[in-house]
Amino acid sequence: MANSLLPSTQTSPQRPPVTEHQKKLIAEQLARKERLARELRAEKGRLEAMKKEVQALAKPVDPLVSPQELKRRLRSEIYMLQVECDRLADQVDQWSDRRVPLGETNEEFYQGIYTGQPLPSRPLLNPPPLPSQPPVWRSEQPTTIASDNERDGPSWVCTMCTFDNHPLMNKCEECDMPRLLNPSGSAGTVHGKLPGTTLLLSSSSPAATRCDREPPSIPLQPPRIE
């Protein structure tokens, strides 16, 4: 029996020796563990104290006092505080400068504060004169519609709807009536006549002159629209 136990004792592994560095590391870890345990116990104590405070605030102050009575007491305290604030404000107004009401800014107080050295004032320079000629990039083309109309010629009136059209239009912009030109090259003017009635042309046309000299035997027919 003793011989059977000898090999087991001889084959058991031996632990390596602990170095000084490992001993210091283990000691630091144990110290940190102890500090954490103390902090945990302190936090648990504070937590229990806060729970007791919450329970004390949650329960009514006096179970014999009704909520209506508590509300009345609070309103009374608020009124007394407002009266005290008004009284203190009146005392402040009596002992302070009457020119500056309570809550306003006293300008004389801020005028005595040092704000630093004053900056030197720069002399005012006269602005440069305007150029006598317009700049090169400015276009000299007319921009008004009236100048364009004068350049293109006078406008012409439609013989059908009496609409005043642009000189460059060959037909009326409203009724698409073709533009009728007199032998002289100018458009005739028709004054508010319906189809089937006598049309009076402008006095500058030969037809108008002929109508003034002798009345026509039959009325003129309106131009045919193609």
C-alpha atoms as a PDB file:
ATOM      1  CA  MET A   1       0.000   0.000   0.000  1.00  0.00           C
ATOM      2  CA  ALA A   2       2.829   2.336   0.813  1.00  0.00           C
ATOM      3  CA  ASN A   3       4.563   1.418  -2.402  1.00  0.00           C
ATOM      4  CA  SER A   4       1.439   2.272  -4.433  1.00  0.00           C
ATOM      5  CA  LEU A   5       1.308   5.790  -2.993  1.00  0.00           C
ATOM      6  CA  LEU A   6       4.909   6.624  -3.707  1.00  0.00           C
ATOM      7  CA  PRO A   7       4.530   7.250  -7.466  1.00  0.00           C
ATOM      8  CA  SER A   8       1.550   9.613  -6.979  1.00  0.00           C
ATOM      9  CA  THR A   9       3.472  11.823  -4.583  1.00  0.00           C
ATOM     10  CA  GLN A  10       6.447  11.897  -6.789  1.00  0.00           C
ATOM     11  CA  THR A  11       4.455  12.851  -9.939  1.00  0.00           C
ATOM     12  CA  SER A  12       2.402  15.705  -8.344  1.00  0.00           C
ATOM     13  CA  PRO A  13       3.272  19.098  -9.998  1.00  0.00           C
ATOM     14  CA  GLN A  14       4.941  21.722  -7.856  1.00  0.00           C
ATOM     15  CA  ARG A  15       3.649  25.361  -7.835  1.00  0.00           C
ATOM     16  CA  PRO A  16       6.017  27.967  -9.211  1.00  0.00           C
ATOM     17  CA  PRO A  17       7.326  30.431  -6.661  1.00  0.00           C
ATOM     18  CA  VAL A  18       5.519  33.804  -6.392  1.00  0.00           C
ATOM     19  CA  THR A  19       7.665  36.739  -7.410  1.00  0.00           C
ATOM     20  CA  GLU A  20       7.834  40.124  -5.695  1.00  0.00           C
ATOM     21  CA  HIS A  21       6.057  41.837  -8.594  1.00  0.00           C
ATOM     22  CA  GLN A  22       3.147  39.455  -8.352  1.00  0.00           C
ATOM     23  CA  LYS A  23       2.904  40.007  -4.602  1.00  0.00           C
ATOM     24  CA  LYS A  24       2.704  43.789  -5.082  1.00  0.00           C
ATOM     25  CA  LEU A  25       0.087  43.402  -7.807  1.00  0.00           C
ATOM     26  CA  ILE A  26      -2.068  41.163  -5.592  1.00  0.00           C
ATOM     27  CA  ALA A  27      -1.782  43.605  -2.697  1.00  0.00           C
ATOM     28  CA  GLU A  28      -2.909  46.545  -4.894  1.00  0.00           C
ATOM     29  CA  GLN A  29      -5.885  44.557  -6.184  1.00  0.00           C
ATOM     30  CA  LEU A  30      -6.953  43.630  -2.647  1.00  0.00           C
ATOM     31  CA  ALA A  31      -6.709  47.289  -1.590  1.00  0.00           C
ATOM     32  CA  ARG A  32      -8.860  48.388  -4.531  1.00  0.00           C
ATOM     33  CA  LYS A  33     -11.404  45.693  -3.699  1.00  0.00           C
ATOM     34  CA  GLU A  34     -11.610  46.936  -0.117  1.00  0.00           C
ATOM     35  CA  ARG A  35     -12.116  50.554  -1.266  1.00  0.00           C
ATOM     36  CA  LEU A  36     -14.880  49.495  -3.659  1.00  0.00           C
ATOM     37  CA  ALA A  37     -16.579  47.541  -0.883  1.00  0.00           C
ATOM     38  CA  ARG A  38     -16.523  50.619   1.399  1.00  0.00           C
ATOM     39  CA  GLU A  39     -17.957  52.838  -1.367  1.00  0.00           C
ATOM     40  CA  LEU A  40     -20.684  50.280  -2.028  1.00  0.00           C
ATOM     41  CA  ARG A  41     -21.700  50.206   1.644  1.00  0.00           C
ATOM     42  CA  ALA A  42     -21.773  54.037   1.728  1.00  0.00           C
ATOM     43  CA  GLU A  43     -23.930  54.244  -1.417  1.00  0.00           C
ATOM     44  CA  LYS A  44     -26.345  51.679  -0.013  1.00  0.00           C
ATOM     45  CA  GLY A  45     -26.652  53.756   3.158  1.00  0.00           C
ATOM     46  CA  ARG A  46     -27.408  56.929   1.155  1.00  0.00           C
ATOM     47  CA  LEU A  47     -29.962  55.022  -0.915  1.00  0.00           C
ATOM     48  CA  GLU A  48     -31.804  53.864   2.194  1.00  0.00           C
ATOM     49  CA  ALA A  49     -31.819  57.430   3.553  1.00  0.00           C
ATOM     50  CA  MET A  50     -33.284  58.773   0.291  1.00  0.00           C
ATOM     51  CA  LYS A  51     -35.988  56.096   0.331  1.00  0.00           C
ATOM     52  CA  LYS A  52     -36.976  57.135   3.852  1.00  0.00           C
ATOM     53  CA  GLU A  53     -37.146  60.814   2.777  1.00  0.00           C
ATOM     54  CA  VAL A  54     -39.335  59.947  -0.210  1.00  0.00           C
ATOM     55  CA  GLN A  55     -41.695  57.984   2.005  1.00  0.00           C
ATOM     56  CA  ALA A  56     -41.848  60.851   4.491  1.00  0.00           C
ATOM     57  CA  LEU A  57     -42.677  63.346   1.712  1.00  0.00           C
ATOM     58  CA  ALA A  58     -45.225  61.054   0.087  1.00  0.00           C
ATOM     59  CA  LYS A  59     -47.393  60.622   3.152  1.00  0.00           C
ATOM     60  CA  PRO A  60     -49.543  63.589   4.283  1.00  0.00           C
ATOM     61  CA  VAL A  61     -48.166  65.899   6.944  1.00  0.00           C
ATOM     62  CA  ASP A  62     -51.170  65.544   9.164  1.00  0.00           C
ATOM     63  CA  PRO A  63     -53.701  62.833   8.352  1.00  0.00           C
ATOM     64  CA  LEU A  64     -56.348  64.816  10.250  1.00  0.00           C
ATOM     65  CA  VAL A  65     -56.061  67.835   7.881  1.00  0.00           C
ATOM     66  CA  SER A  66     -58.083  67.626   4.654  1.00  0.00           C
ATOM     67  CA  PRO A  67     -56.653  68.625   1.232  1.00  0.00           C
ATOM     68  CA  GLN A  68     -59.026  71.601   1.103  1.00  0.00           C
ATOM     69  CA  GLU A  69     -57.587  72.913   4.362  1.00  0.00           C
ATOM     70  CA  LEU A  70     -54.039  72.525   3.040  1.00  0.00           C
ATOM     71  CA  LYS A  71     -54.982  74.454  -0.102  1.00  0.00           C
ATOM     72  CA  ARG A  72     -56.478  77.256   1.986  1.00  0.00           C
ATOM     73  CA  ARG A  73     -53.318  77.490   4.086  1.00  0.00           C
ATOM     74  CA  LEU A  74     -51.129  77.662   0.993  1.00  0.00           C
ATOM     75  CA  ARG A  75     -53.221  80.475  -0.468  1.00  0.00           C
ATOM     76  CA  SER A  76     -52.996  82.373   2.806  1.00  0.00           C
ATOM     77  CA  GLU A  77     -49.207  82.014   2.866  1.00  0.00           C
ATOM     78  CA  ILE A  78     -48.958  83.208  -0.754  1.00  0.00           C
ATOM     79  CA  TYR A  79     -51.058  86.287   0.057  1.00  0.00           C
ATOM     80  CA  MET A  80     -48.903  87.133   3.062  1.00  0.00           C
ATOM     81  CA  LEU A  81     -45.743  86.818   0.976  1.00  0.00           C
ATOM     82  CA  GLN A  82     -47.175  89.153  -1.682  1.00  0.00           C
ATOM     83  CA  VAL A  83     -48.027  91.747   0.978  1.00  0.00           C
ATOM     84  CA  GLU A  84     -44.496  91.493   2.376  1.00  0.00           C
ATOM     85  CA  CYS A  85     -42.976  91.963  -1.096  1.00  0.00           C
ATOM     86  CA  ASP A  86     -45.074  95.082  -1.721  1.00  0.00           C
ATOM     87  CA  ARG A  87     -44.054  96.526   1.651  1.00  0.00           C
ATOM     88  CA  LEU A  88     -40.363  95.954   0.967  1.00  0.00           C
ATOM     89  CA  ALA A  89     -40.689  97.487  -2.503  1.00  0.00           C
ATOM     90  CA  ASP A  90     -42.257 100.627  -1.000  1.00  0.00           C
ATOM     91  CA  GLN A  91     -39.393 100.930   1.460  1.00  0.00           C
ATOM     92  CA  VAL A  92     -36.843 100.620  -1.321  1.00  0.00           C
ATOM     93  CA  ASP A  93     -38.608 103.357  -3.312  1.00  0.00           C
ATOM     94  CA  GLN A  94     -38.615 105.691  -0.297  1.00  0.00           C
ATOM     95  CA  TRP A  95     -34.892 105.331   0.397  1.00  0.00           C
ATOM     96  CA  SER A  96     -33.692 105.257  -3.211  1.00  0.00           C
ATOM     97  CA  ASP A  97     -33.517 107.848  -5.970  1.00  0.00           C
ATOM     98  CA  ARG A  98     -37.034 108.887  -6.923  1.00  0.00           C
ATOM     99  CA  ARG A  99     -35.992 109.646 -10.494  1.00  0.00           C
ATOM    100  CA  VAL A 100     -35.217 105.975 -11.092  1.00  0.00           C
ATOM    101  CA  PRO A 101     -38.151 103.655 -10.255  1.00  0.00           C
ATOM    102  CA  LEU A 102     -37.588 100.213  -8.800  1.00  0.00           C
ATOM    103  CA  GLY A 103     -36.452  97.707 -11.382  1.00  0.00           C
ATOM    104  CA  GLU A 104     -35.137 100.329 -13.815  1.00  0.00           C
ATOM    105  CA  THR A 105     -31.505 101.014 -14.711  1.00  0.00           C
ATOM    106  CA  ASN A 106     -29.724 103.972 -13.117  1.00  0.00           C
ATOM    107  CA  GLU A 107     -27.820 105.631 -15.961  1.00  0.00           C
ATOM    108  CA  GLU A 108     -25.676 107.729 -13.618  1.00  0.00           C
ATOM    109  CA  PHE A 109     -24.220 104.574 -12.068  1.00  0.00           C
ATOM    110  CA  TYR A 110     -23.046 103.281 -15.430  1.00  0.00           C
ATOM    111  CA  GLN A 111     -21.667 106.666 -16.465  1.00  0.00           C
ATOM    112  CA  GLY A 112     -19.062 106.473 -13.678  1.00  0.00           C
ATOM    113  CA  ILE A 113     -17.722 103.081 -14.773  1.00  0.00           C
ATOM    114  CA  TYR A 114     -14.310 103.138 -16.448  1.00  0.00           C
ATOM    115  CA  THR A 115     -14.671 101.852 -19.995  1.00  0.00           C
ATOM    116  CA  GLY A 116     -11.066 102.131 -21.143  1.00  0.00           C
ATOM    117  CA  GLN A 117      -9.118 104.664 -23.145  1.00  0.00           C
ATOM    118  CA  PRO A 118     -11.079 106.510 -25.833  1.00  0.00           C
ATOM    119  CA  LEU A 119     -10.193 105.644 -29.383  1.00  0.00           C
ATOM    120  CA  PRO A 120      -8.779 108.444 -31.572  1.00  0.00           C
ATOM    121  CA  SER A 121     -11.369 109.862 -33.923  1.00  0.00           C
ATOM    122  CA  ARG A 122     -10.559 109.552 -37.600  1.00  0.00           C
ATOM    123  CA  PRO A 123     -10.899 112.660 -39.791  1.00  0.00           C
ATOM    124  CA  LEU A 124     -13.824 112.658 -42.162  1.00  0.00           C
ATOM    125  CA  LEU A 125     -12.703 112.301 -45.764  1.00  0.00           C
ATOM    126  CA  ASN A 126     -14.608 113.848 -48.644  1.00  0.00           C
ATOM    127  CA  PRO A 127     -16.106 111.278 -51.011  1.00  0.00           C
ATOM    128  CA  PRO A 128     -14.503 111.050 -54.467  1.00  0.00           C
ATOM    129  CA  PRO A 129     -16.276 112.963 -57.266  1.00  0.00           C
ATOM    130  CA  LEU A 130     -18.614 111.109 -59.558  1.00  0.00           C
ATOM    131  CA  PRO A 131     -17.322 110.271 -63.065  1.00  0.00           C
ATOM    132  CA  SER A 132     -18.444 112.615 -65.833  1.00  0.00           C
ATOM    133  CA  GLN A 133     -19.016 109.759 -68.310  1.00  0.00           C
ATOM    134  CA  PRO A 134     -21.064 106.609 -67.719  1.00  0.00           C
ATOM    135  CA  PRO A 135     -19.127 103.368 -67.307  1.00  0.00           C
ATOM    136  CA  VAL A 136     -18.328 101.251 -70.339  1.00  0.00           C
ATOM    137  CA  TRP A 137     -20.415  98.294 -69.213  1.00  0.00           C
ATOM    138  CA  ARG A 138     -23.613 100.375 -69.053  1.00  0.00           C
ATOM    139  CA  SER A 139     -25.661  99.891 -72.214  1.00  0.00           C
ATOM    140  CA  GLU A 140     -27.047 102.936 -73.986  1.00  0.00           C
ATOM    141  CA  GLN A 141     -30.006 101.124 -75.565  1.00  0.00           C
ATOM    142  CA  PRO A 142     -33.433 102.553 -74.751  1.00  0.00           C
ATOM    143  CA  THR A 143     -35.345 100.562 -72.162  1.00  0.00           C
ATOM    144  CA  THR A 144     -38.778 102.163 -72.367  1.00  0.00           C
ATOM    145  CA  ILE A 145     -41.607 100.865 -74.479  1.00  0.00           C
ATOM    146  CA  ALA A 146     -42.512 104.375 -75.620  1.00  0.00           C
ATOM    147  CA  SER A 147     -39.163 104.874 -77.347  1.00  0.00           C
ATOM    148  CA  ASP A 148     -39.554 101.516 -79.140  1.00  0.00           C
ATOM    149  CA  ASN A 149     -42.984 102.529 -80.401  1.00  0.00           C
ATOM    150  CA  GLU A 150     -41.673 105.868 -81.691  1.00  0.00           C
ATOM    151  CA  ARG A 151     -38.888 104.085 -83.535  1.00  0.00           C
ATOM    152  CA  ASP A 152     -41.264 101.505 -85.126  1.00  0.00           C
ATOM    153  CA  GLY A 153     -43.924 104.042 -86.081  1.00  0.00           C
ATOM    154  CA  PRO A 154     -47.416 104.919 -84.850  1.00  0.00           C
ATOM    155  CA  SER A 155     -49.788 102.203 -83.707  1.00  0.00           C
ATOM    156  CA  TRP A 156     -52.753 101.196 -85.895  1.00  0.00           C
ATOM    157  CA  VAL A 157     -56.390 100.584 -84.936  1.00  0.00           C
ATOM    158  CA  CYS A 158     -58.193  97.438 -86.049  1.00  0.00           C
ATOM    159  CA  THR A 159     -61.105  98.085 -88.460  1.00  0.00           C
ATOM    160  CA  MET A 160     -63.148  95.318 -86.827  1.00  0.00           C
ATOM    161  CA  CYS A 161     -62.747  95.593 -83.059  1.00  0.00           C
ATOM    162  CA  THR A 162     -60.986  99.006 -82.819  1.00  0.00           C
ATOM    163  CA  PHE A 163     -58.105  97.494 -80.840  1.00  0.00           C
ATOM    164  CA  ASP A 164     -54.914  99.572 -80.746  1.00  0.00           C
ATOM    165  CA  ASN A 165     -52.175  97.291 -82.113  1.00  0.00           C
ATOM    166  CA  HIS A 166     -48.387  97.498 -82.292  1.00  0.00           C
ATOM    167  CA  PRO A 167     -46.963  99.024 -85.491  1.00  0.00           C
ATOM    168  CA  LEU A 168     -45.118  95.813 -86.422  1.00  0.00           C
ATOM    169  CA  MET A 169     -48.218  93.590 -86.149  1.00  0.00           C
ATOM    170  CA  ASN A 170     -49.723  92.473 -89.494  1.00  0.00           C
ATOM    171  CA  LYS A 171     -53.000  91.349 -87.936  1.00  0.00           C
ATOM    172  CA  CYS A 172     -55.057  92.318 -84.915  1.00  0.00           C
ATOM    173  CA  GLU A 173     -53.997  90.785 -81.642  1.00  0.00           C
ATOM    174  CA  GLU A 174     -57.619  90.430 -80.514  1.00  0.00           C
ATOM    175  CA  CYS A 175     -59.694  89.314 -83.503  1.00  0.00           C
ATOM    176  CA  ASP A 176     -56.946  88.294 -86.022  1.00  0.00           C
ATOM    177  CA  MET A 177     -58.273  90.848 -88.530  1.00  0.00           C
ATOM    178  CA  PRO A 178     -55.651  91.517 -91.270  1.00  0.00           C
ATOM    179  CA  ARG A 179     -54.150  94.979 -91.297  1.00  0.00           C
ATOM    180  CA  LEU A 180     -55.552  97.172 -94.109  1.00  0.00           C
ATOM    181  CA  LEU A 181     -53.184  99.734 -95.601  1.00  0.00           C
ATOM    182  CA  ASN A 182     -54.185 102.833 -97.578  1.00  0.00           C
ATOM    183  CA  PRO A 183     -52.545 103.535-100.948  1.00  0.00           C
ATOM    184  CA  SER A 184     -50.243 105.951 -99.121  1.00  0.00           C
ATOM    185  CA  GLY A 185     -48.938 103.063 -96.971  1.00  0.00           C
ATOM    186  CA  SER A 186     -50.627 104.048 -93.698  1.00  0.00           C
ATOM    187  CA  ALA A 187     -53.326 102.116 -91.916  1.00  0.00           C
ATOM    188  CA  GLY A 188     -56.838 103.505 -92.104  1.00  0.00           C
ATOM    189  CA  THR A 189     -58.828 104.375 -89.001  1.00  0.00           C
ATOM    190  CA  VAL A 190     -62.361 103.145 -88.510  1.00  0.00           C
ATOM    191  CA  HIS A 191     -64.572 104.749 -85.889  1.00  0.00           C
ATOM    192  CA  GLY A 192     -66.937 102.247 -84.196  1.00  0.00           C
ATOM    193  CA  LYS A 193     -69.020 100.953 -87.138  1.00  0.00           C
ATOM    194  CA  LEU A 194     -70.612  97.541 -87.247  1.00  0.00           C
ATOM    195  CA  PRO A 195     -70.567  95.250 -90.310  1.00  0.00           C
ATOM    196  CA  GLY A 196     -73.157  96.265 -92.899  1.00  0.00           C
ATOM    197  CA  THR A 197     -72.929  99.999 -92.175  1.00  0.00           C
ATOM    198  CA  THR A 198     -71.019 102.799 -93.832  1.00  0.00           C
ATOM    199  CA  LEU A 199     -67.307 102.896 -92.869  1.00  0.00           C
ATOM    200  CA  LEU A 200     -65.557 106.259 -92.538  1.00  0.00           C
ATOM    201  CA  LEU A 201     -61.804 106.241 -93.266  1.00  0.00           C
ATOM    202  CA  SER A 202     -59.319 108.763 -91.988  1.00  0.00           C
ATOM    203  CA  SER A 203     -59.129 112.124 -93.703  1.00  0.00           C
ATOM    204  CA  SER A 204     -55.624 111.413 -95.027  1.00  0.00           C
ATOM    205  CA  SER A 205     -56.798 108.671 -97.412  1.00  0.00           C
ATOM    206  CA  PRO A 206     -58.070 109.396-100.955  1.00  0.00           C
ATOM    207  CA  ALA A 207     -61.251 107.468-100.230  1.00  0.00           C
ATOM    208  CA  ALA A 208     -62.072 109.807 -97.370  1.00  0.00           C
ATOM    209  CA  THR A 209     -61.494 112.852 -99.596  1.00  0.00           C
ATOM    210  CA  ARG A 210     -63.753 111.387-102.239  1.00  0.00           C
ATOM    211  CA  CYS A 211     -66.451 110.732 -99.648  1.00  0.00           C
ATOM    212  CA  ASP A 212     -66.287 114.363 -98.506  1.00  0.00           C
ATOM    213  CA  ARG A 213     -66.763 115.695-102.021  1.00  0.00           C
ATOM    214  CA  GLU A 214     -69.689 113.514-103.083  1.00  0.00           C
ATOM    215  CA  PRO A 215     -71.616 110.959-101.020  1.00  0.00           C
ATOM    216  CA  PRO A 216     -71.449 107.402-102.318  1.00  0.00           C
ATOM    217  CA  SER A 217     -74.535 105.920-103.874  1.00  0.00           C
ATOM    218  CA  ILE A 218     -74.191 102.614-102.027  1.00  0.00           C
ATOM    219  CA  PRO A 219     -72.682 101.935 -98.604  1.00  0.00           C
ATOM    220  CA  LEU A 220     -69.231 100.461 -98.407  1.00  0.00           C
ATOM    221  CA  GLN A 221     -69.044  96.842 -97.414  1.00  0.00           C
ATOM    222  CA  PRO A 222     -66.657  95.730 -94.675  1.00  0.00           C
ATOM    223  CA  PRO A 223     -63.504  93.990 -95.836  1.00  0.00           C
ATOM    224  CA  ARG A 224     -63.789  90.295 -96.431  1.00  0.00           C
ATOM    225  CA  ILE A 225     -61.863  88.081 -94.012  1.00  0.00           C
ATOM    226  CA  GLU A 226     -59.983  85.289 -95.690  1.00  0.00           C
END
